Amino acid sequence: MPLGRRGPGLVGMAARTAVVVGTANAVSNKQQQKYANQAAAQQEAAAEQAAPAAPAAAPQDDLAAQLESLAKLRDQGILTEEEFSAKKAQILGI
């Protein structure tokens, strides 16, 4: 019976294992990056949806402040009731 090699040998097995491990690591890194990108995109989309709500409150606050200011002027006697009513209608768009 001749003495020959039966398989790839120790060096061949080590090389094959290194290739498999390297490929698995590369795939794992790609998947991690993909999921990180998806999470970032979801967070960005959520932030964009939440952002428009904040500016909508500002005009109402501004209207309230204007009306309060007009009421003070009326109470101090600087504006007449008719002037107050006219300016109030103008601010409210009535």
PDB file of N, CA and C in Angstrom:
ATOM      1  N   MET A   1       0.809  -1.169   0.000  1.00  0.00           N
ATOM      2  CA  MET A   1       0.000   0.000   0.000  1.00  0.00           C
ATOM      3  C   MET A   1       0.865   1.250   0.000  1.00  0.00           C
ATOM      4  N   PRO A   2       0.653   2.114  -0.965  1.00  0.00           N
ATOM      5  CA  PRO A   2       1.509   3.299  -1.032  1.00  0.00           C
ATOM      6  C   PRO A   2       1.134   4.307   0.050  1.00  0.00           C
ATOM      7  N   LEU A   3       2.147   4.973   0.488  1.00  0.00           N
ATOM      8  CA  LEU A   3       1.916   6.027   1.477  1.00  0.00           C
ATOM      9  C   LEU A   3       1.682   7.344   0.729  1.00  0.00           C
ATOM     10  N   GLY A   4       0.504   7.787   0.690  1.00  0.00           N
ATOM     11  CA  GLY A   4       0.183   9.053   0.023  1.00  0.00           C
ATOM     12  C   GLY A   4      -0.710   9.910   0.912  1.00  0.00           C
ATOM     13  N   ARG A   5      -0.900  11.061   0.469  1.00  0.00           N
ATOM     14  CA  ARG A   5      -1.757  11.936   1.262  1.00  0.00           C
ATOM     15  C   ARG A   5      -3.198  11.568   1.041  1.00  0.00           C
ATOM     16  N   ARG A   6      -3.948  11.689   2.067  1.00  0.00           N
ATOM     17  CA  ARG A   6      -5.366  11.371   1.986  1.00  0.00           C
ATOM     18  C   ARG A   6      -6.229  12.624   1.911  1.00  0.00           C
ATOM     19  N   GLY A   7      -5.750  13.749   2.292  1.00  0.00           N
ATOM     20  CA  GLY A   7      -6.537  14.976   2.316  1.00  0.00           C
ATOM     21  C   GLY A   7      -5.659  16.190   2.107  1.00  0.00           C
ATOM     22  N   PRO A   8      -6.198  17.332   2.344  1.00  0.00           N
ATOM     23  CA  PRO A   8      -5.455  18.555   2.089  1.00  0.00           C
ATOM     24  C   PRO A   8      -4.324  18.802   3.069  1.00  0.00           C
ATOM     25  N   GLY A   9      -4.278  18.105   4.147  1.00  0.00           N
ATOM     26  CA  GLY A   9      -3.211  18.296   5.107  1.00  0.00           C
ATOM     27  C   GLY A   9      -3.531  19.426   6.078  1.00  0.00           C
ATOM     28  N   LEU A  10      -2.669  19.610   7.018  1.00  0.00           N
ATOM     29  CA  LEU A  10      -2.884  20.583   8.088  1.00  0.00           C
ATOM     30  C   LEU A  10      -2.879  22.018   7.561  1.00  0.00           C
ATOM     31  N   VAL A  11      -1.953  22.342   6.695  1.00  0.00           N
ATOM     32  CA  VAL A  11      -1.874  23.700   6.157  1.00  0.00           C
ATOM     33  C   VAL A  11      -3.089  24.001   5.290  1.00  0.00           C
ATOM     34  N   GLY A  12      -3.509  23.040   4.497  1.00  0.00           N
ATOM     35  CA  GLY A  12      -4.685  23.239   3.647  1.00  0.00           C
ATOM     36  C   GLY A  12      -5.947  23.442   4.465  1.00  0.00           C
ATOM     37  N   MET A  13      -6.103  22.673   5.535  1.00  0.00           N
ATOM     38  CA  MET A  13      -7.276  22.810   6.407  1.00  0.00           C
ATOM     39  C   MET A  13      -7.262  24.182   7.096  1.00  0.00           C
ATOM     40  N   ALA A  14      -6.093  24.612   7.530  1.00  0.00           N
ATOM     41  CA  ALA A  14      -5.988  25.910   8.200  1.00  0.00           C
ATOM     42  C   ALA A  14      -6.335  27.034   7.225  1.00  0.00           C
ATOM     43  N   ALA A  15      -5.883  26.923   5.991  1.00  0.00           N
ATOM     44  CA  ALA A  15      -6.184  27.939   4.988  1.00  0.00           C
ATOM     45  C   ALA A  15      -7.674  27.973   4.679  1.00  0.00           C
ATOM     46  N   ARG A  16      -8.286  26.807   4.540  1.00  0.00           N
ATOM     47  CA  ARG A  16      -9.724  26.737   4.251  1.00  0.00           C
ATOM     48  C   ARG A  16     -10.523  27.337   5.417  1.00  0.00           C
ATOM     49  N   THR A  17     -10.134  27.016   6.641  1.00  0.00           N
ATOM     50  CA  THR A  17     -10.816  27.557   7.829  1.00  0.00           C
ATOM     51  C   THR A  17     -10.684  29.072   7.869  1.00  0.00           C
ATOM     52  N   ALA A  18      -9.520  29.590   7.545  1.00  0.00           N
ATOM     53  CA  ALA A  18      -9.303  31.043   7.546  1.00  0.00           C
ATOM     54  C   ALA A  18     -10.202  31.724   6.519  1.00  0.00           C
ATOM     55  N   VAL A  19     -10.358  31.113   5.365  1.00  0.00           N
ATOM     56  CA  VAL A  19     -11.219  31.680   4.329  1.00  0.00           C
ATOM     57  C   VAL A  19     -12.670  31.687   4.798  1.00  0.00           C
ATOM     58  N   VAL A  20     -13.110  30.593   5.380  1.00  0.00           N
ATOM     59  CA  VAL A  20     -14.499  30.501   5.856  1.00  0.00           C
ATOM     60  C   VAL A  20     -14.751  31.526   6.951  1.00  0.00           C
ATOM     61  N   VAL A  21     -13.828  31.636   7.909  1.00  0.00           N
ATOM     62  CA  VAL A  21     -13.980  32.591   9.009  1.00  0.00           C
ATOM     63  C   VAL A  21     -13.955  34.023   8.477  1.00  0.00           C
ATOM     64  N   GLY A  22     -13.067  34.295   7.562  1.00  0.00           N
ATOM     65  CA  GLY A  22     -12.984  35.640   6.983  1.00  0.00           C
ATOM     66  C   GLY A  22     -14.258  36.013   6.248  1.00  0.00           C
ATOM     67  N   THR A  23     -14.814  35.071   5.498  1.00  0.00           N
ATOM     68  CA  THR A  23     -16.064  35.311   4.780  1.00  0.00           C
ATOM     69  C   THR A  23     -17.202  35.537   5.755  1.00  0.00           C
ATOM     70  N   ALA A  24     -17.263  34.734   6.812  1.00  0.00           N
ATOM     71  CA  ALA A  24     -18.319  34.898   7.817  1.00  0.00           C
ATOM     72  C   ALA A  24     -18.213  36.254   8.498  1.00  0.00           C
ATOM     73  N   ASN A  25     -17.005  36.686   8.809  1.00  0.00           N
ATOM     74  CA  ASN A  25     -16.822  38.003   9.428  1.00  0.00           C
ATOM     75  C   ASN A  25     -17.247  39.122   8.486  1.00  0.00           C
ATOM     76  N   ALA A  26     -16.902  38.989   7.222  1.00  0.00           N
ATOM     77  CA  ALA A  26     -17.275  40.021   6.253  1.00  0.00           C
ATOM     78  C   ALA A  26     -18.791  40.114   6.113  1.00  0.00           C
ATOM     79  N   VAL A  27     -19.457  38.976   6.062  1.00  0.00           N
ATOM     80  CA  VAL A  27     -20.921  38.959   5.962  1.00  0.00           C
ATOM     81  C   VAL A  27     -21.536  39.556   7.223  1.00  0.00           C
ATOM     82  N   SER A  28     -20.999  39.179   8.375  1.00  0.00           N
ATOM     83  CA  SER A  28     -21.502  39.697   9.649  1.00  0.00           C
ATOM     84  C   SER A  28     -21.345  41.214   9.709  1.00  0.00           C
ATOM     85  N   ASN A  29     -20.188  41.719   9.294  1.00  0.00           N
ATOM     86  CA  ASN A  29     -19.957  43.168   9.301  1.00  0.00           C
ATOM     87  C   ASN A  29     -20.912  43.888   8.356  1.00  0.00           C
ATOM     88  N   LYS A  30     -21.150  43.298   7.190  1.00  0.00           N
ATOM     89  CA  LYS A  30     -22.081  43.893   6.235  1.00  0.00           C
ATOM     90  C   LYS A  30     -23.492  43.955   6.817  1.00  0.00           C
ATOM     91  N   GLN A  31     -23.900  42.878   7.479  1.00  0.00           N
ATOM     92  CA  GLN A  31     -25.242  42.846   8.072  1.00  0.00           C
ATOM     93  C   GLN A  31     -25.359  43.863   9.199  1.00  0.00           C
ATOM     94  N   GLN A  32     -24.321  43.968  10.021  1.00  0.00           N
ATOM     95  CA  GLN A  32     -24.349  44.947  11.102  1.00  0.00           C
ATOM     96  C   GLN A  32     -24.452  46.364  10.542  1.00  0.00           C
ATOM     97  N   GLN A  33     -23.709  46.650   9.485  1.00  0.00           N
ATOM     98  CA  GLN A  33     -23.757  47.977   8.873  1.00  0.00           C
ATOM     99  C   GLN A  33     -25.130  48.230   8.267  1.00  0.00           C
ATOM    100  N   LYS A  34     -25.702  47.204   7.644  1.00  0.00           N
ATOM    101  CA  LYS A  34     -27.030  47.337   7.042  1.00  0.00           C
ATOM    102  C   LYS A  34     -28.065  47.666   8.108  1.00  0.00           C
ATOM    103  N   TYR A  35     -28.041  46.935   9.221  1.00  0.00           N
ATOM    104  CA  TYR A  35     -29.005  47.180  10.290  1.00  0.00           C
ATOM    105  C   TYR A  35     -28.780  48.541  10.946  1.00  0.00           C
ATOM    106  N   ALA A  36     -27.531  48.950  11.070  1.00  0.00           N
ATOM    107  CA  ALA A  36     -27.232  50.265  11.641  1.00  0.00           C
ATOM    108  C   ALA A  36     -27.768  51.367  10.731  1.00  0.00           C
ATOM    109  N   ASN A  37     -27.611  51.195   9.417  1.00  0.00           N
ATOM    110  CA  ASN A  37     -28.127  52.177   8.460  1.00  0.00           C
ATOM    111  C   ASN A  37     -29.649  52.238   8.511  1.00  0.00           C
ATOM    112  N   GLN A  38     -30.288  51.063   8.630  1.00  0.00           N
ATOM    113  CA  GLN A  38     -31.744  51.027   8.712  1.00  0.00           C
ATOM    114  C   GLN A  38     -32.230  51.719   9.986  1.00  0.00           C
ATOM    115  N   ALA A  39     -31.562  51.471  11.105  1.00  0.00           N
ATOM    116  CA  ALA A  39     -31.943  52.097  12.366  1.00  0.00           C
ATOM    117  C   ALA A  39     -31.772  53.612  12.287  1.00  0.00           C
ATOM    118  N   ALA A  40     -30.680  54.061  11.676  1.00  0.00           N
ATOM    119  CA  ALA A  40     -30.449  55.496  11.532  1.00  0.00           C
ATOM    120  C   ALA A  40     -31.518  56.124  10.644  1.00  0.00           C
ATOM    121  N   ALA A  41     -31.888  55.438   9.579  1.00  0.00           N
ATOM    122  CA  ALA A  41     -32.928  55.956   8.683  1.00  0.00           C
ATOM    123  C   ALA A  41     -34.272  56.034   9.397  1.00  0.00           C
ATOM    124  N   GLN A  42     -34.572  55.040  10.225  1.00  0.00           N
ATOM    125  CA  GLN A  42     -35.833  55.064  10.974  1.00  0.00           C
ATOM    126  C   GLN A  42     -35.839  56.201  11.987  1.00  0.00           C
ATOM    127  N   GLN A  43     -34.726  56.424  12.655  1.00  0.00           N
ATOM    128  CA  GLN A  43     -34.646  57.514  13.624  1.00  0.00           C
ATOM    129  C   GLN A  43     -34.784  58.862  12.922  1.00  0.00           C
ATOM    130  N   GLU A  44     -34.162  58.987  11.763  1.00  0.00           N
ATOM    131  CA  GLU A  44     -34.249  60.232  11.002  1.00  0.00           C
ATOM    132  C   GLU A  44     -35.682  60.487  10.540  1.00  0.00           C
ATOM    133  N   ALA A  45     -36.351  59.441  10.083  1.00  0.00           N
ATOM    134  CA  ALA A  45     -37.740  59.581   9.645  1.00  0.00           C
ATOM    135  C   ALA A  45     -38.635  59.961  10.812  1.00  0.00           C
ATOM    136  N   ALA A  46     -38.397  59.366  11.969  1.00  0.00           N
ATOM    137  CA  ALA A  46     -39.196  59.703  13.154  1.00  0.00           C
ATOM    138  C   ALA A  46     -38.955  61.146  13.568  1.00  0.00           C
ATOM    139  N   ALA A  47     -37.722  61.599  13.467  1.00  0.00           N
ATOM    140  CA  ALA A  47     -37.404  62.983  13.826  1.00  0.00           C
ATOM    141  C   ALA A  47     -38.063  63.959  12.851  1.00  0.00           C
ATOM    142  N   GLU A  48     -38.089  63.603  11.572  1.00  0.00           N
ATOM    143  CA  GLU A  48     -38.727  64.465  10.580  1.00  0.00           C
ATOM    144  C   GLU A  48     -40.227  64.554  10.800  1.00  0.00           C
ATOM    145  N   GLN A  49     -40.831  63.450  11.222  1.00  0.00           N
ATOM    146  CA  GLN A  49     -42.270  63.457  11.473  1.00  0.00           C
ATOM    147  C   GLN A  49     -42.591  64.268  12.714  1.00  0.00           C
ATOM    148  N   ALA A  50     -41.735  64.238  13.708  1.00  0.00           N
ATOM    149  CA  ALA A  50     -41.984  64.966  14.952  1.00  0.00           C
ATOM    150  C   ALA A  50     -41.672  66.451  14.798  1.00  0.00           C
ATOM    151  N   ALA A  51     -40.752  66.811  13.934  1.00  0.00           N
ATOM    152  CA  ALA A  51     -40.308  68.196  13.801  1.00  0.00           C
ATOM    153  C   ALA A  51     -41.412  69.158  13.346  1.00  0.00           C
ATOM    154  N   PRO A  52     -42.253  68.831  12.374  1.00  0.00           N
ATOM    155  CA  PRO A  52     -43.248  69.804  11.930  1.00  0.00           C
ATOM    156  C   PRO A  52     -44.267  70.195  13.007  1.00  0.00           C
ATOM    157  N   ALA A  53     -44.472  69.388  14.017  1.00  0.00           N
ATOM    158  CA  ALA A  53     -45.463  69.696  15.048  1.00  0.00           C
ATOM    159  C   ALA A  53     -45.047  70.901  15.887  1.00  0.00           C
ATOM    160  N   ALA A  54     -43.765  71.080  16.130  1.00  0.00           N
ATOM    161  CA  ALA A  54     -43.302  72.165  16.983  1.00  0.00           C
ATOM    162  C   ALA A  54     -43.581  73.551  16.383  1.00  0.00           C
ATOM    163  N   PRO A  55     -43.254  73.822  15.124  1.00  0.00           N
ATOM    164  CA  PRO A  55     -43.521  75.153  14.594  1.00  0.00           C
ATOM    165  C   PRO A  55     -45.007  75.501  14.527  1.00  0.00           C
ATOM    166  N   ALA A  56     -45.889  74.526  14.448  1.00  0.00           N
ATOM    167  CA  ALA A  56     -47.318  74.804  14.365  1.00  0.00           C
ATOM    168  C   ALA A  56     -47.827  75.475  15.636  1.00  0.00           C
ATOM    169  N   ALA A  57     -47.197  75.194  16.778  1.00  0.00           N
ATOM    170  CA  ALA A  57     -47.638  75.776  18.043  1.00  0.00           C
ATOM    171  C   ALA A  57     -47.245  77.251  18.143  1.00  0.00           C
ATOM    172  N   ALA A  58     -46.192  77.663  17.477  1.00  0.00           N
ATOM    173  CA  ALA A  58     -45.697  79.033  17.588  1.00  0.00           C
ATOM    174  C   ALA A  58     -46.722  80.076  17.136  1.00  0.00           C
ATOM    175  N   PRO A  59     -47.424  79.923  15.998  1.00  0.00           N
ATOM    176  CA  PRO A  59     -48.386  80.947  15.606  1.00  0.00           C
ATOM    177  C   PRO A  59     -49.518  81.122  16.621  1.00  0.00           C
ATOM    178  N   GLN A  60     -49.957  80.051  17.244  1.00  0.00           N
ATOM    179  CA  GLN A  60     -51.007  80.167  18.252  1.00  0.00           C
ATOM    180  C   GLN A  60     -50.504  80.953  19.447  1.00  0.00           C
ATOM    181  N   ASP A  61     -49.278  80.693  19.864  1.00  0.00           N
ATOM    182  CA  ASP A  61     -48.694  81.449  20.964  1.00  0.00           C
ATOM    183  C   ASP A  61     -48.568  82.912  20.588  1.00  0.00           C
ATOM    184  N   ASP A  62     -48.182  83.159  19.340  1.00  0.00           N
ATOM    185  CA  ASP A  62     -48.032  84.525  18.858  1.00  0.00           C
ATOM    186  C   ASP A  62     -49.388  85.233  18.853  1.00  0.00           C
ATOM    187  N   LEU A  63     -50.439  84.541  18.401  1.00  0.00           N
ATOM    188  CA  LEU A  63     -51.783  85.126  18.394  1.00  0.00           C
ATOM    189  C   LEU A  63     -52.234  85.455  19.812  1.00  0.00           C
ATOM    190  N   ALA A  64     -52.000  84.550  20.713  1.00  0.00           N
ATOM    191  CA  ALA A  64     -52.402  84.774  22.103  1.00  0.00           C
ATOM    192  C   ALA A  64     -51.662  85.974  22.681  1.00  0.00           C
ATOM    193  N   ALA A  65     -50.373  86.066  22.388  1.00  0.00           N
ATOM    194  CA  ALA A  65     -49.579  87.188  22.892  1.00  0.00           C
ATOM    195  C   ALA A  65     -50.078  88.507  22.309  1.00  0.00           C
ATOM    196  N   GLN A  66     -50.420  88.516  21.017  1.00  0.00           N
ATOM    197  CA  GLN A  66     -50.934  89.736  20.385  1.00  0.00           C
ATOM    198  C   GLN A  66     -52.267  90.150  21.000  1.00  0.00           C
ATOM    199  N   LEU A  67     -53.141  89.170  21.217  1.00  0.00           N
ATOM    200  CA  LEU A  67     -54.441  89.477  21.802  1.00  0.00           C
ATOM    201  C   LEU A  67     -54.302  89.980  23.237  1.00  0.00           C
ATOM    202  N   GLU A  68     -53.391  89.383  23.993  1.00  0.00           N
ATOM    203  CA  GLU A  68     -53.155  89.845  25.360  1.00  0.00           C
ATOM    204  C   GLU A  68     -52.630  91.278  25.365  1.00  0.00           C
ATOM    205  N   SER A  69     -51.735  91.562  24.444  1.00  0.00           N
ATOM    206  CA  SER A  69     -51.188  92.910  24.338  1.00  0.00           C
ATOM    207  C   SER A  69     -52.286  93.913  23.994  1.00  0.00           C
ATOM    208  N   LEU A  70     -53.150  93.535  23.055  1.00  0.00           N
ATOM    209  CA  LEU A  70     -54.270  94.424  22.695  1.00  0.00           C
ATOM    210  C   LEU A  70     -55.212  94.639  23.872  1.00  0.00           C
ATOM    211  N   ALA A  71     -55.476  93.577  24.609  1.00  0.00           N
ATOM    212  CA  ALA A  71     -56.371  93.684  25.757  1.00  0.00           C
ATOM    213  C   ALA A  71     -55.796  94.629  26.807  1.00  0.00           C
ATOM    214  N   LYS A  72     -54.480  94.562  27.010  1.00  0.00           N
ATOM    215  CA  LYS A  72     -53.835  95.476  27.958  1.00  0.00           C
ATOM    216  C   LYS A  72     -53.972  96.926  27.499  1.00  0.00           C
ATOM    217  N   LEU A  73     -53.775  97.141  26.193  1.00  0.00           N
ATOM    218  CA  LEU A  73     -53.917  98.502  25.654  1.00  0.00           C
ATOM    219  C   LEU A  73     -55.356  99.000  25.824  1.00  0.00           C
ATOM    220  N   ARG A  74     -56.305  98.118  25.627  1.00  0.00           N
ATOM    221  CA  ARG A  74     -57.709  98.485  25.820  1.00  0.00           C
ATOM    222  C   ARG A  74     -57.992  98.794  27.286  1.00  0.00           C
ATOM    223  N   ASP A  75     -57.482  97.947  28.170  1.00  0.00           N
ATOM    224  CA  ASP A  75     -57.697  98.133  29.604  1.00  0.00           C
ATOM    225  C   ASP A  75     -57.041  99.419  30.113  1.00  0.00           C
ATOM    226  N   GLN A  76     -55.948  99.821  29.500  1.00  0.00           N
ATOM    227  CA  GLN A  76     -55.264 101.054  29.895  1.00  0.00           C
ATOM    228  C   GLN A  76     -55.923 102.289  29.291  1.00  0.00           C
ATOM    229  N   GLY A  77     -56.878 102.053  28.402  1.00  0.00           N
ATOM    230  CA  GLY A  77     -57.576 103.177  27.787  1.00  0.00           C
ATOM    231  C   GLY A  77     -56.886 103.714  26.541  1.00  0.00           C
ATOM    232  N   ILE A  78     -55.872 103.056  26.084  1.00  0.00           N
ATOM    233  CA  ILE A  78     -55.150 103.507  24.896  1.00  0.00           C
ATOM    234  C   ILE A  78     -55.956 103.177  23.644  1.00  0.00           C
ATOM    235  N   LEU A  79     -56.623 102.031  23.630  1.00  0.00           N
ATOM    236  CA  LEU A  79     -57.489 101.639  22.513  1.00  0.00           C
ATOM    237  C   LEU A  79     -58.946 101.703  22.967  1.00  0.00           C
ATOM    238  N   THR A  80     -59.793 102.097  22.049  1.00  0.00           N
ATOM    239  CA  THR A  80     -61.232 102.052  22.335  1.00  0.00           C
ATOM    240  C   THR A  80     -61.710 100.617  22.121  1.00  0.00           C
ATOM    241  N   GLU A  81     -62.923 100.337  22.556  1.00  0.00           N
ATOM    242  CA  GLU A  81     -63.502  99.001  22.373  1.00  0.00           C
ATOM    243  C   GLU A  81     -63.638  98.678  20.883  1.00  0.00           C
ATOM    244  N   GLU A  82     -63.983  99.674  20.084  1.00  0.00           N
ATOM    245  CA  GLU A  82     -64.122  99.457  18.640  1.00  0.00           C
ATOM    246  C   GLU A  82     -62.771  99.157  17.988  1.00  0.00           C
ATOM    247  N   GLU A  83     -61.734  99.898  18.403  1.00  0.00           N
ATOM    248  CA  GLU A  83     -60.391  99.656  17.847  1.00  0.00           C
ATOM    249  C   GLU A  83     -59.903  98.252  18.242  1.00  0.00           C
ATOM    250  N   PHE A  84     -60.155  97.916  19.495  1.00  0.00           N
ATOM    251  CA  PHE A  84     -59.768  96.586  19.972  1.00  0.00           C
ATOM    252  C   PHE A  84     -60.462  95.498  19.171  1.00  0.00           C
ATOM    253  N   SER A  85     -61.767  95.648  18.967  1.00  0.00           N
ATOM    254  CA  SER A  85     -62.537  94.636  18.236  1.00  0.00           C
ATOM    255  C   SER A  85     -62.070  94.522  16.792  1.00  0.00           C
ATOM    256  N   ALA A  86     -61.790  95.664  16.163  1.00  0.00           N
ATOM    257  CA  ALA A  86     -61.336  95.649  14.774  1.00  0.00           C
ATOM    258  C   ALA A  86     -59.973  94.954  14.643  1.00  0.00           C
ATOM    259  N   LYS A  87     -59.060  95.287  15.528  1.00  0.00           N
ATOM    260  CA  LYS A  87     -57.717  94.691  15.464  1.00  0.00           C
ATOM    261  C   LYS A  87     -57.773  93.196  15.811  1.00  0.00           C
ATOM    262  N   LYS A  88     -58.624  92.838  16.769  1.00  0.00           N
ATOM    263  CA  LYS A  88     -58.795  91.433  17.144  1.00  0.00           C
ATOM    264  C   LYS A  88     -59.315  90.621  15.957  1.00  0.00           C
ATOM    265  N   ALA A  89     -60.289  91.168  15.247  1.00  0.00           N
ATOM    266  CA  ALA A  89     -60.851  90.484  14.063  1.00  0.00           C
ATOM    267  C   ALA A  89     -59.772  90.338  12.993  1.00  0.00           C
ATOM    268  N   GLN A  90     -58.948  91.374  12.839  1.00  0.00           N
ATOM    269  CA  GLN A  90     -57.874  91.327  11.841  1.00  0.00           C
ATOM    270  C   GLN A  90     -56.849  90.232  12.206  1.00  0.00           C
ATOM    271  N   ILE A  91     -56.474  90.142  13.467  1.00  0.00           N
ATOM    272  CA  ILE A  91     -55.484  89.145  13.915  1.00  0.00           C
ATOM    273  C   ILE A  91     -56.045  87.726  13.740  1.00  0.00           C
ATOM    274  N   LEU A  92     -57.309  87.539  14.097  1.00  0.00           N
ATOM    275  CA  LEU A  92     -57.914  86.216  14.011  1.00  0.00           C
ATOM    276  C   LEU A  92     -58.350  85.856  12.595  1.00  0.00           C
ATOM    277  N   GLY A  93     -58.310  86.831  11.695  1.00  0.00           N
ATOM    278  CA  GLY A  93     -58.705  86.578  10.307  1.00  0.00           C
ATOM    279  C   GLY A  93     -60.189  86.414  10.126  1.00  0.00           C
ATOM    280  N   ILE A  94     -60.939  87.110  10.954  1.00  0.00           N
ATOM    281  CA  ILE A  94     -62.401  87.009  10.893  1.00  0.00           C
ATOM    282  C   ILE A  94     -62.944  88.060   9.938  1.00  0.00           C
TER     283      ILE A  94
END
